[in-house]
PDB file of N, CA and C in Angstrom:
ATOM      1  N   MET A   1      17.878 -13.014  18.665  1.00  0.00           N
ATOM      2  CA  MET A   1      16.919 -11.797  18.114  1.00  0.00           C
ATOM      3  C   MET A   1      16.337 -12.317  17.057  1.00  0.00           C
ATOM      4  N   GLY A   2      15.247 -12.136  16.837  1.00  0.00           N
ATOM      5  CA  GLY A   2      14.296 -12.241  15.597  1.00  0.00           C
ATOM      6  C   GLY A   2      14.350 -11.232  14.523  1.00  0.00           C
ATOM      7  N   LYS A   3      14.106 -11.654  13.593  1.00  0.00           N
ATOM      8  CA  LYS A   3      14.184 -10.755  12.249  1.00  0.00           C
ATOM      9  C   LYS A   3      12.552 -10.967  11.544  1.00  0.00           C
ATOM     10  N   TYR A   4      12.208  -9.693  11.185  1.00  0.00           N
ATOM     11  CA  TYR A   4      10.870  -9.605  10.652  1.00  0.00           C
ATOM     12  C   TYR A   4      10.722  -8.721   9.581  1.00  0.00           C
ATOM     13  N   ARG A   5       9.813  -8.791   8.828  1.00  0.00           N
ATOM     14  CA  ARG A   5       9.838  -7.690   7.727  1.00  0.00           C
ATOM     15  C   ARG A   5       8.337  -7.144   7.843  1.00  0.00           C
ATOM     16  N   VAL A   6       8.216  -5.778   8.006  1.00  0.00           N
ATOM     17  CA  VAL A   6       6.874  -5.139   7.899  1.00  0.00           C
ATOM     18  C   VAL A   6       6.354  -4.912   6.323  1.00  0.00           C
ATOM     19  N   GLU A   7       5.416  -5.345   6.100  1.00  0.00           N
ATOM     20  CA  GLU A   7       4.956  -5.339   4.566  1.00  0.00           C
ATOM     21  C   GLU A   7       3.629  -4.251   4.666  1.00  0.00           C
ATOM     22  N   PHE A   8       3.765  -3.408   4.037  1.00  0.00           N
ATOM     23  CA  PHE A   8       2.700  -2.377   3.957  1.00  0.00           C
ATOM     24  C   PHE A   8       1.991  -2.128   2.518  1.00  0.00           C
ATOM     25  N   ASP A   9       0.961  -2.354   2.351  1.00  0.00           N
ATOM     26  CA  ASP A   9       0.152  -2.155   1.249  1.00  0.00           C
ATOM     27  C   ASP A   9      -0.477  -0.775   1.031  1.00  0.00           C
ATOM     28  N   ARG A  10       0.505  -0.006   0.818  1.00  0.00           N
ATOM     29  CA  ARG A  10       0.162   1.379   0.595  1.00  0.00           C
ATOM     30  C   ARG A  10      -1.010   1.738  -0.282  1.00  0.00           C
ATOM     31  N   ASN A  11      -1.360   1.072  -1.405  1.00  0.00           N
ATOM     32  CA  ASN A  11      -2.545   1.333  -2.198  1.00  0.00           C
ATOM     33  C   ASN A  11      -3.863   1.190  -1.429  1.00  0.00           C
ATOM     34  N   GLY A  12      -3.647   0.115  -0.265  1.00  0.00           N
ATOM     35  CA  GLY A  12      -5.084   0.009   0.267  1.00  0.00           C
ATOM     36  C   GLY A  12      -5.321   0.806   1.521  1.00  0.00           C
ATOM     37  N   CYS A  13      -4.207   1.761   1.720  1.00  0.00           N
ATOM     38  CA  CYS A  13      -4.225   2.458   2.870  1.00  0.00           C
ATOM     39  C   CYS A  13      -5.402   3.646   2.833  1.00  0.00           C
ATOM     40  N   ILE A  14      -6.274   3.785   3.650  1.00  0.00           N
ATOM     41  CA  ILE A  14      -7.329   4.804   3.575  1.00  0.00           C
ATOM     42  C   ILE A  14      -7.040   6.034   4.446  1.00  0.00           C
ATOM     43  N   GLY A  15      -5.853   6.175   5.099  1.00  0.00           N
ATOM     44  CA  GLY A  15      -5.456   7.401   5.488  1.00  0.00           C
ATOM     45  C   GLY A  15      -6.255   7.582   6.863  1.00  0.00           C
ATOM     46  N   ASP A  16      -6.505   6.575   7.580  1.00  0.00           N
ATOM     47  CA  ASP A  16      -6.952   6.739   9.063  1.00  0.00           C
ATOM     48  C   ASP A  16      -6.087   7.070  10.078  1.00  0.00           C
ATOM     49  N   PHE A  17      -4.673   6.877   9.748  1.00  0.00           N
ATOM     50  CA  PHE A  17      -3.735   7.308  10.639  1.00  0.00           C
ATOM     51  C   PHE A  17      -3.675   6.634  12.194  1.00  0.00           C
ATOM     52  N   ALA A  18      -4.482   5.539  12.155  1.00  0.00           N
ATOM     53  CA  ALA A  18      -4.332   4.839  13.348  1.00  0.00           C
ATOM     54  C   ALA A  18      -2.988   4.303  13.727  1.00  0.00           C
ATOM     55  N   CYS A  19      -2.274   3.989  12.829  1.00  0.00           N
ATOM     56  CA  CYS A  19      -0.897   3.410  13.115  1.00  0.00           C
ATOM     57  C   CYS A  19       0.044   4.556  13.592  1.00  0.00           C
ATOM     58  N   VAL A  20      -0.186   5.727  13.059  1.00  0.00           N
ATOM     59  CA  VAL A  20       0.677   6.893  13.363  1.00  0.00           C
ATOM     60  C   VAL A  20       0.248   7.287  15.082  1.00  0.00           C
ATOM     61  N   GLY A  21      -1.039   7.041  15.127  1.00  0.00           N
ATOM     62  CA  GLY A  21      -1.419   7.496  16.402  1.00  0.00           C
ATOM     63  C   GLY A  21      -0.687   6.402  17.667  1.00  0.00           C
ATOM     64  N   VAL A  22      -0.656   5.239  17.420  1.00  0.00           N
ATOM     65  CA  VAL A  22      -0.357   4.352  18.408  1.00  0.00           C
ATOM     66  C   VAL A  22       1.393   4.103  18.187  1.00  0.00           C
ATOM     67  N   SER A  23       2.019   4.420  17.089  1.00  0.00           N
ATOM     68  CA  SER A  23       3.370   4.394  16.885  1.00  0.00           C
ATOM     69  C   SER A  23       4.097   5.422  16.180  1.00  0.00           C
ATOM     70  N   PRO A  24       3.944   6.669  16.606  1.00  0.00           N
ATOM     71  CA  PRO A  24       4.532   7.822  15.748  1.00  0.00           C
ATOM     72  C   PRO A  24       6.211   7.500  15.683  1.00  0.00           C
ATOM     73  N   ASP A  25       6.700   6.861  16.215  1.00  0.00           N
ATOM     74  CA  ASP A  25       8.177   6.525  15.942  1.00  0.00           C
ATOM     75  C   ASP A  25       8.519   5.548  14.791  1.00  0.00           C
ATOM     76  N   GLN A  26       7.389   4.919  14.353  1.00  0.00           N
ATOM     77  CA  GLN A  26       7.290   4.204  13.217  1.00  0.00           C
ATOM     78  C   GLN A  26       6.848   4.356  12.162  1.00  0.00           C
ATOM     79  N   TRP A  27       5.803   5.296  12.201  1.00  0.00           N
ATOM     80  CA  TRP A  27       5.036   5.565  11.019  1.00  0.00           C
ATOM     81  C   TRP A  27       4.777   7.113  10.905  1.00  0.00           C
ATOM     82  N   GLU A  28       4.595   7.552   9.650  1.00  0.00           N
ATOM     83  CA  GLU A  28       4.464   9.003   9.398  1.00  0.00           C
ATOM     84  C   GLU A  28       3.359   9.304   8.438  1.00  0.00           C
ATOM     85  N   THR A  29       2.582  10.298   8.415  1.00  0.00           N
ATOM     86  CA  THR A  29       1.765  11.010   7.797  1.00  0.00           C
ATOM     87  C   THR A  29       2.138  11.719   6.361  1.00  0.00           C
ATOM     88  N   ARG A  30       1.855  11.166   5.326  1.00  0.00           N
ATOM     89  CA  ARG A  30       2.347  11.877   4.055  1.00  0.00           C
ATOM     90  C   ARG A  30       1.726  12.840   3.369  1.00  0.00           C
ATOM     91  N   GLU A  31       2.130  13.811   2.562  1.00  0.00           N
ATOM     92  CA  GLU A  31       1.202  14.748   1.862  1.00  0.00           C
ATOM     93  C   GLU A  31      -0.102  14.138   1.212  1.00  0.00           C
ATOM     94  N   ASP A  32       0.009  12.816   0.697  1.00  0.00           N
ATOM     95  CA  ASP A  32      -1.136  12.355  -0.154  1.00  0.00           C
ATOM     96  C   ASP A  32      -2.235  11.944   0.539  1.00  0.00           C
ATOM     97  N   GLY A  33      -2.135  11.924   1.835  1.00  0.00           N
ATOM     98  CA  GLY A  33      -3.231  11.629   2.801  1.00  0.00           C
ATOM     99  C   GLY A  33      -3.054  10.101   3.269  1.00  0.00           C
ATOM    100  N   LYS A  34      -1.858   9.491   2.966  1.00  0.00           N
ATOM    101  CA  LYS A  34      -1.690   8.177   3.510  1.00  0.00           C
ATOM    102  C   LYS A  34      -0.396   8.188   4.406  1.00  0.00           C
ATOM    103  N   VAL A  35      -0.014   6.970   4.843  1.00  0.00           N
ATOM    104  CA  VAL A  35       1.097   6.946   5.698  1.00  0.00           C
ATOM    105  C   VAL A  35       2.328   6.290   4.982  1.00  0.00           C
ATOM    106  N   SER A  36       3.295   6.161   5.598  1.00  0.00           N
ATOM    107  CA  SER A  36       4.547   5.625   5.304  1.00  0.00           C
ATOM    108  C   SER A  36       5.243   4.897   6.486  1.00  0.00           C
ATOM    109  N   ILE A  37       6.219   3.904   6.251  1.00  0.00           N
ATOM    110  CA  ILE A  37       6.847   3.375   7.308  1.00  0.00           C
ATOM    111  C   ILE A  37       8.208   4.173   7.288  1.00  0.00           C
ATOM    112  N   ILE A  38       8.384   4.904   8.561  1.00  0.00           N
ATOM    113  CA  ILE A  38       9.661   5.480   8.651  1.00  0.00           C
ATOM    114  C   ILE A  38      10.970   4.836   8.426  1.00  0.00           C
ATOM    115  N   GLY A  39      11.783   5.102   7.592  1.00  0.00           N
ATOM    116  CA  GLY A  39      12.973   4.217   7.315  1.00  0.00           C
ATOM    117  C   GLY A  39      12.499   2.975   6.435  1.00  0.00           C
ATOM    118  N   GLY A  40      11.230   2.899   5.872  1.00  0.00           N
ATOM    119  CA  GLY A  40      11.013   2.000   5.079  1.00  0.00           C
ATOM    120  C   GLY A  40      11.564   2.161   3.691  1.00  0.00           C
ATOM    121  N   GLU A  41      11.533   1.085   2.869  1.00  0.00           N
ATOM    122  CA  GLU A  41      11.871   1.164   1.279  1.00  0.00           C
ATOM    123  C   GLU A  41      10.800   0.758   0.545  1.00  0.00           C
ATOM    124  N   LYS A  42      10.872   1.444  -0.740  1.00  0.00           N
ATOM    125  CA  LYS A  42       9.635   1.141  -1.550  1.00  0.00           C
ATOM    126  C   LYS A  42       9.831  -0.329  -2.381  1.00  0.00           C
ATOM    127  N   VAL A  43       8.801  -1.065  -2.365  1.00  0.00           N
ATOM    128  CA  VAL A  43       9.094  -2.450  -3.011  1.00  0.00           C
ATOM    129  C   VAL A  43       8.986  -2.155  -4.420  1.00  0.00           C
ATOM    130  N   PRO A  44      10.152  -2.711  -5.300  1.00  0.00           N
ATOM    131  CA  PRO A  44      10.088  -2.534  -6.842  1.00  0.00           C
ATOM    132  C   PRO A  44       8.784  -2.668  -7.895  1.00  0.00           C
ATOM    133  N   ASN A  45       8.497  -1.780  -8.448  1.00  0.00           N
ATOM    134  CA  ASN A  45       7.327  -1.993  -9.406  1.00  0.00           C
ATOM    135  C   ASN A  45       6.034  -2.066  -8.638  1.00  0.00           C
ATOM    136  N   SER A  46       6.032  -1.262  -7.370  1.00  0.00           N
ATOM    137  CA  SER A  46       4.521  -1.216  -6.855  1.00  0.00           C
ATOM    138  C   SER A  46       4.713   0.160  -5.886  1.00  0.00           C
ATOM    139  N   ASP A  47       3.605   0.461  -5.303  1.00  0.00           N
ATOM    140  CA  ASP A  47       3.687   1.509  -4.251  1.00  0.00           C
ATOM    141  C   ASP A  47       3.795   1.041  -2.882  1.00  0.00           C
ATOM    142  N   ASN A  48       3.830  -0.259  -2.741  1.00  0.00           N
ATOM    143  CA  ASN A  48       4.001  -0.861  -1.319  1.00  0.00           C
ATOM    144  C   ASN A  48       5.312  -0.369  -0.727  1.00  0.00           C
ATOM    145  N   GLU A  49       5.432  -0.833   0.483  1.00  0.00           N
ATOM    146  CA  GLU A  49       6.620  -0.389   1.309  1.00  0.00           C
ATOM    147  C   GLU A  49       6.990  -1.620   2.293  1.00  0.00           C
ATOM    148  N   GLN A  50       8.079  -1.651   2.555  1.00  0.00           N
ATOM    149  CA  GLN A  50       8.738  -2.638   3.584  1.00  0.00           C
ATOM    150  C   GLN A  50       9.807  -2.199   4.218  1.00  0.00           C
ATOM    151  N   LYS A  51      10.212  -2.951   5.425  1.00  0.00           N
ATOM    152  CA  LYS A  51      11.295  -2.590   6.384  1.00  0.00           C
ATOM    153  C   LYS A  51      11.467  -3.831   6.974  1.00  0.00           C
ATOM    154  N   VAL A  52      12.857  -4.295   7.172  1.00  0.00           N
ATOM    155  CA  VAL A  52      13.289  -5.219   8.105  1.00  0.00           C
ATOM    156  C   VAL A  52      13.285  -4.778   9.318  1.00  0.00           C
ATOM    157  N   ILE A  53      12.839  -5.328  10.490  1.00  0.00           N
ATOM    158  CA  ILE A  53      13.195  -4.971  11.935  1.00  0.00           C
ATOM    159  C   ILE A  53      13.429  -6.073  12.755  1.00  0.00           C
ATOM    160  N   GLY A  54      13.928  -5.641  13.902  1.00  0.00           N
ATOM    161  CA  GLY A  54      14.249  -6.594  15.061  1.00  0.00           C
ATOM    162  C   GLY A  54      13.358  -6.669  16.118  1.00  0.00           C
ATOM    163  N   ASP A  55      13.803  -7.160  17.012  1.00  0.00           N
ATOM    164  CA  ASP A  55      12.754  -7.297  18.290  1.00  0.00           C
ATOM    165  C   ASP A  55      12.677  -5.892  19.033  1.00  0.00           C
ATOM    166  N   SER A  56      13.337  -5.000  18.869  1.00  0.00           N
ATOM    167  CA  SER A  56      13.204  -3.732  19.657  1.00  0.00           C
ATOM    168  C   SER A  56      12.001  -3.076  18.802  1.00  0.00           C
ATOM    169  N   GLU A  57      11.871  -3.212  17.728  1.00  0.00           N
ATOM    170  CA  GLU A  57      10.754  -2.453  16.937  1.00  0.00           C
ATOM    171  C   GLU A  57       9.309  -3.376  16.537  1.00  0.00           C
ATOM    172  N   TYR A  58       9.541  -4.531  16.979  1.00  0.00           N
ATOM    173  CA  TYR A  58       8.594  -5.471  16.592  1.00  0.00           C
ATOM    174  C   TYR A  58       7.137  -5.269  17.288  1.00  0.00           C
ATOM    175  N   GLN A  59       7.103  -5.006  18.587  1.00  0.00           N
ATOM    176  CA  GLN A  59       5.906  -4.792  19.462  1.00  0.00           C
ATOM    177  C   GLN A  59       5.085  -3.358  18.895  1.00  0.00           C
ATOM    178  N   ASN A  60       6.105  -2.255  18.484  1.00  0.00           N
ATOM    179  CA  ASN A  60       5.521  -1.098  17.866  1.00  0.00           C
ATOM    180  C   ASN A  60       4.504  -1.327  16.698  1.00  0.00           C
ATOM    181  N   HIS A  61       5.255  -2.430  15.720  1.00  0.00           N
ATOM    182  CA  HIS A  61       4.695  -2.507  14.569  1.00  0.00           C
ATOM    183  C   HIS A  61       3.407  -3.575  14.728  1.00  0.00           C
ATOM    184  N   VAL A  62       3.601  -4.290  15.615  1.00  0.00           N
ATOM    185  CA  VAL A  62       2.531  -5.281  15.767  1.00  0.00           C
ATOM    186  C   VAL A  62       1.224  -4.549  16.239  1.00  0.00           C
ATOM    187  N   LEU A  63       1.278  -3.434  17.075  1.00  0.00           N
ATOM    188  CA  LEU A  63       0.135  -2.575  17.635  1.00  0.00           C
ATOM    189  C   LEU A  63      -0.205  -1.999  16.380  1.00  0.00           C
ATOM    190  N   ALA A  64       0.767  -1.331  15.540  1.00  0.00           N
ATOM    191  CA  ALA A  64       0.318  -0.666  14.317  1.00  0.00           C
ATOM    192  C   ALA A  64      -0.626  -1.537  13.421  1.00  0.00           C
ATOM    193  N   ALA A  65      -0.170  -2.632  13.434  1.00  0.00           N
ATOM    194  CA  ALA A  65      -1.020  -3.532  12.446  1.00  0.00           C
ATOM    195  C   ALA A  65      -2.383  -3.997  13.002  1.00  0.00           C
ATOM    196  N   ALA A  66      -2.371  -4.000  14.388  1.00  0.00           N
ATOM    197  CA  ALA A  66      -3.386  -4.481  14.982  1.00  0.00           C
ATOM    198  C   ALA A  66      -4.595  -3.356  14.782  1.00  0.00           C
ATOM    199  N   VAL A  67      -4.299  -2.117  14.923  1.00  0.00           N
ATOM    200  CA  VAL A  67      -5.258  -1.114  14.905  1.00  0.00           C
ATOM    201  C   VAL A  67      -5.497  -0.396  13.478  1.00  0.00           C
ATOM    202  N   CYS A  68      -4.756  -0.952  12.562  1.00  0.00           N
ATOM    203  CA  CYS A  68      -5.183  -0.552  10.925  1.00  0.00           C
ATOM    204  C   CYS A  68      -6.713  -1.121  10.797  1.00  0.00           C
ATOM    205  N   PRO A  69      -7.386  -0.341  10.356  1.00  0.00           N
ATOM    206  CA  PRO A  69      -9.196  -0.639  10.152  1.00  0.00           C
ATOM    207  C   PRO A  69      -8.942  -1.378   8.820  1.00  0.00           C
ATOM    208  N   VAL A  70      -8.138  -1.198   7.997  1.00  0.00           N
ATOM    209  CA  VAL A  70      -8.118  -2.133   6.535  1.00  0.00           C
ATOM    210  C   VAL A  70      -7.008  -3.061   6.553  1.00  0.00           C
ATOM    211  N   LYS A  71      -6.365  -3.283   7.736  1.00  0.00           N
ATOM    212  CA  LYS A  71      -5.482  -4.481   7.684  1.00  0.00           C
ATOM    213  C   LYS A  71      -4.457  -4.533   6.391  1.00  0.00           C
ATOM    214  N   VAL A  72      -3.716  -3.452   6.248  1.00  0.00           N
ATOM    215  CA  VAL A  72      -2.911  -3.389   5.133  1.00  0.00           C
ATOM    216  C   VAL A  72      -1.338  -3.465   5.810  1.00  0.00           C
ATOM    217  N   ILE A  73      -1.159  -3.639   6.890  1.00  0.00           N
ATOM    218  CA  ILE A  73       0.021  -3.813   7.510  1.00  0.00           C
ATOM    219  C   ILE A  73       0.299  -5.427   8.009  1.00  0.00           C
ATOM    220  N   LYS A  74       1.305  -6.097   7.336  1.00  0.00           N
ATOM    221  CA  LYS A  74       1.592  -7.190   7.730  1.00  0.00           C
ATOM    222  C   LYS A  74       3.006  -7.324   8.459  1.00  0.00           C
ATOM    223  N   ILE A  75       3.094  -8.496   8.988  1.00  0.00           N
ATOM    224  CA  ILE A  75       4.406  -8.731   9.386  1.00  0.00           C
ATOM    225  C   ILE A  75       4.716 -10.053   9.256  1.00  0.00           C
ATOM    226  N   ARG A  76       5.951 -10.318   8.642  1.00  0.00           N
ATOM    227  CA  ARG A  76       6.383 -11.655   8.294  1.00  0.00           C
ATOM    228  C   ARG A  76       7.776 -12.064   9.114  1.00  0.00           C
ATOM    229  N   ASN A  77       7.673 -13.324   9.684  1.00  0.00           N
ATOM    230  CA  ASN A  77       8.773 -13.675  10.580  1.00  0.00           C
ATOM    231  C   ASN A  77       9.908 -14.166   9.364  1.00  0.00           C
ATOM    232  N   LEU A  78      10.939 -13.590   9.353  1.00  0.00           N
ATOM    233  CA  LEU A  78      11.787 -13.978   8.167  1.00  0.00           C
ATOM    234  C   LEU A  78      12.641 -15.250   8.481  1.00  0.00           C
ATOM    235  N   GLU A  79      12.656 -15.901   9.617  1.00  0.00           N
ATOM    236  CA  GLU A  79      13.093 -17.239   9.986  1.00  0.00           C
ATOM    237  C   GLU A  79      12.202 -18.204   9.385  1.00  0.00           C
ATOM    238  N   THR A  80      10.996 -18.094   9.639  1.00  0.00           N
ATOM    239  CA  THR A  80       9.963 -19.039   9.094  1.00  0.00           C
ATOM    240  C   THR A  80       9.402 -18.567   7.769  1.00  0.00           C
ATOM    241  N   ASN A  81       9.402 -17.430   7.281  1.00  0.00           N
ATOM    242  CA  ASN A  81       8.817 -16.856   6.001  1.00  0.00           C
ATOM    243  C   ASN A  81       7.211 -16.920   6.063  1.00  0.00           C
ATOM    244  N   GLU A  82       6.645 -17.060   7.478  1.00  0.00           N
ATOM    245  CA  GLU A  82       5.393 -16.971   7.623  1.00  0.00           C
ATOM    246  C   GLU A  82       4.900 -15.605   8.194  1.00  0.00           C
ATOM    247  N   LEU A  83       3.609 -15.159   7.898  1.00  0.00           N
ATOM    248  CA  LEU A  83       2.862 -13.958   8.417  1.00  0.00           C
ATOM    249  C   LEU A  83       2.634 -14.149   9.836  1.00  0.00           C
ATOM    250  N   VAL A  84       2.992 -13.041  10.838  1.00  0.00           N
ATOM    251  CA  VAL A  84       2.814 -13.097  12.298  1.00  0.00           C
ATOM    252  C   VAL A  84       1.137 -13.055  12.428  1.00  0.00           C
ATOM    253  N   GLU A  85       0.480 -13.768  13.062  1.00  0.00           N
ATOM    254  CA  GLU A  85      -0.763 -13.571  13.679  1.00  0.00           C
ATOM    255  C   GLU A  85      -1.128 -12.479  14.520  1.00  0.00           C
ATOM    256  N   ILE A  86      -1.799 -11.439  14.062  1.00  0.00           N
ATOM    257  CA  ILE A  86      -2.083 -10.373  14.767  1.00  0.00           C
ATOM    258  C   ILE A  86      -3.526 -10.384  15.353  1.00  0.00           C
TER     259      ILE A  86
END
């Protein structure tokens, strides 16, 4: 089973909500007009968020990253520490 980390640059989010549209079980709309990762954690000293996921959530987050118009959702393979090509 693979381990990945979803990395979300919340400051760069423009509130298009495409990620919520394709993956509503993983992304949610917030009151400030941006989104958040459901179950994610805030990165210290920033407004960014991250979440460690396994294979079962992987495809939903890849799809969310693919439809993001400003490409602020990244997925990192924790075994290789490289970003996944989306």
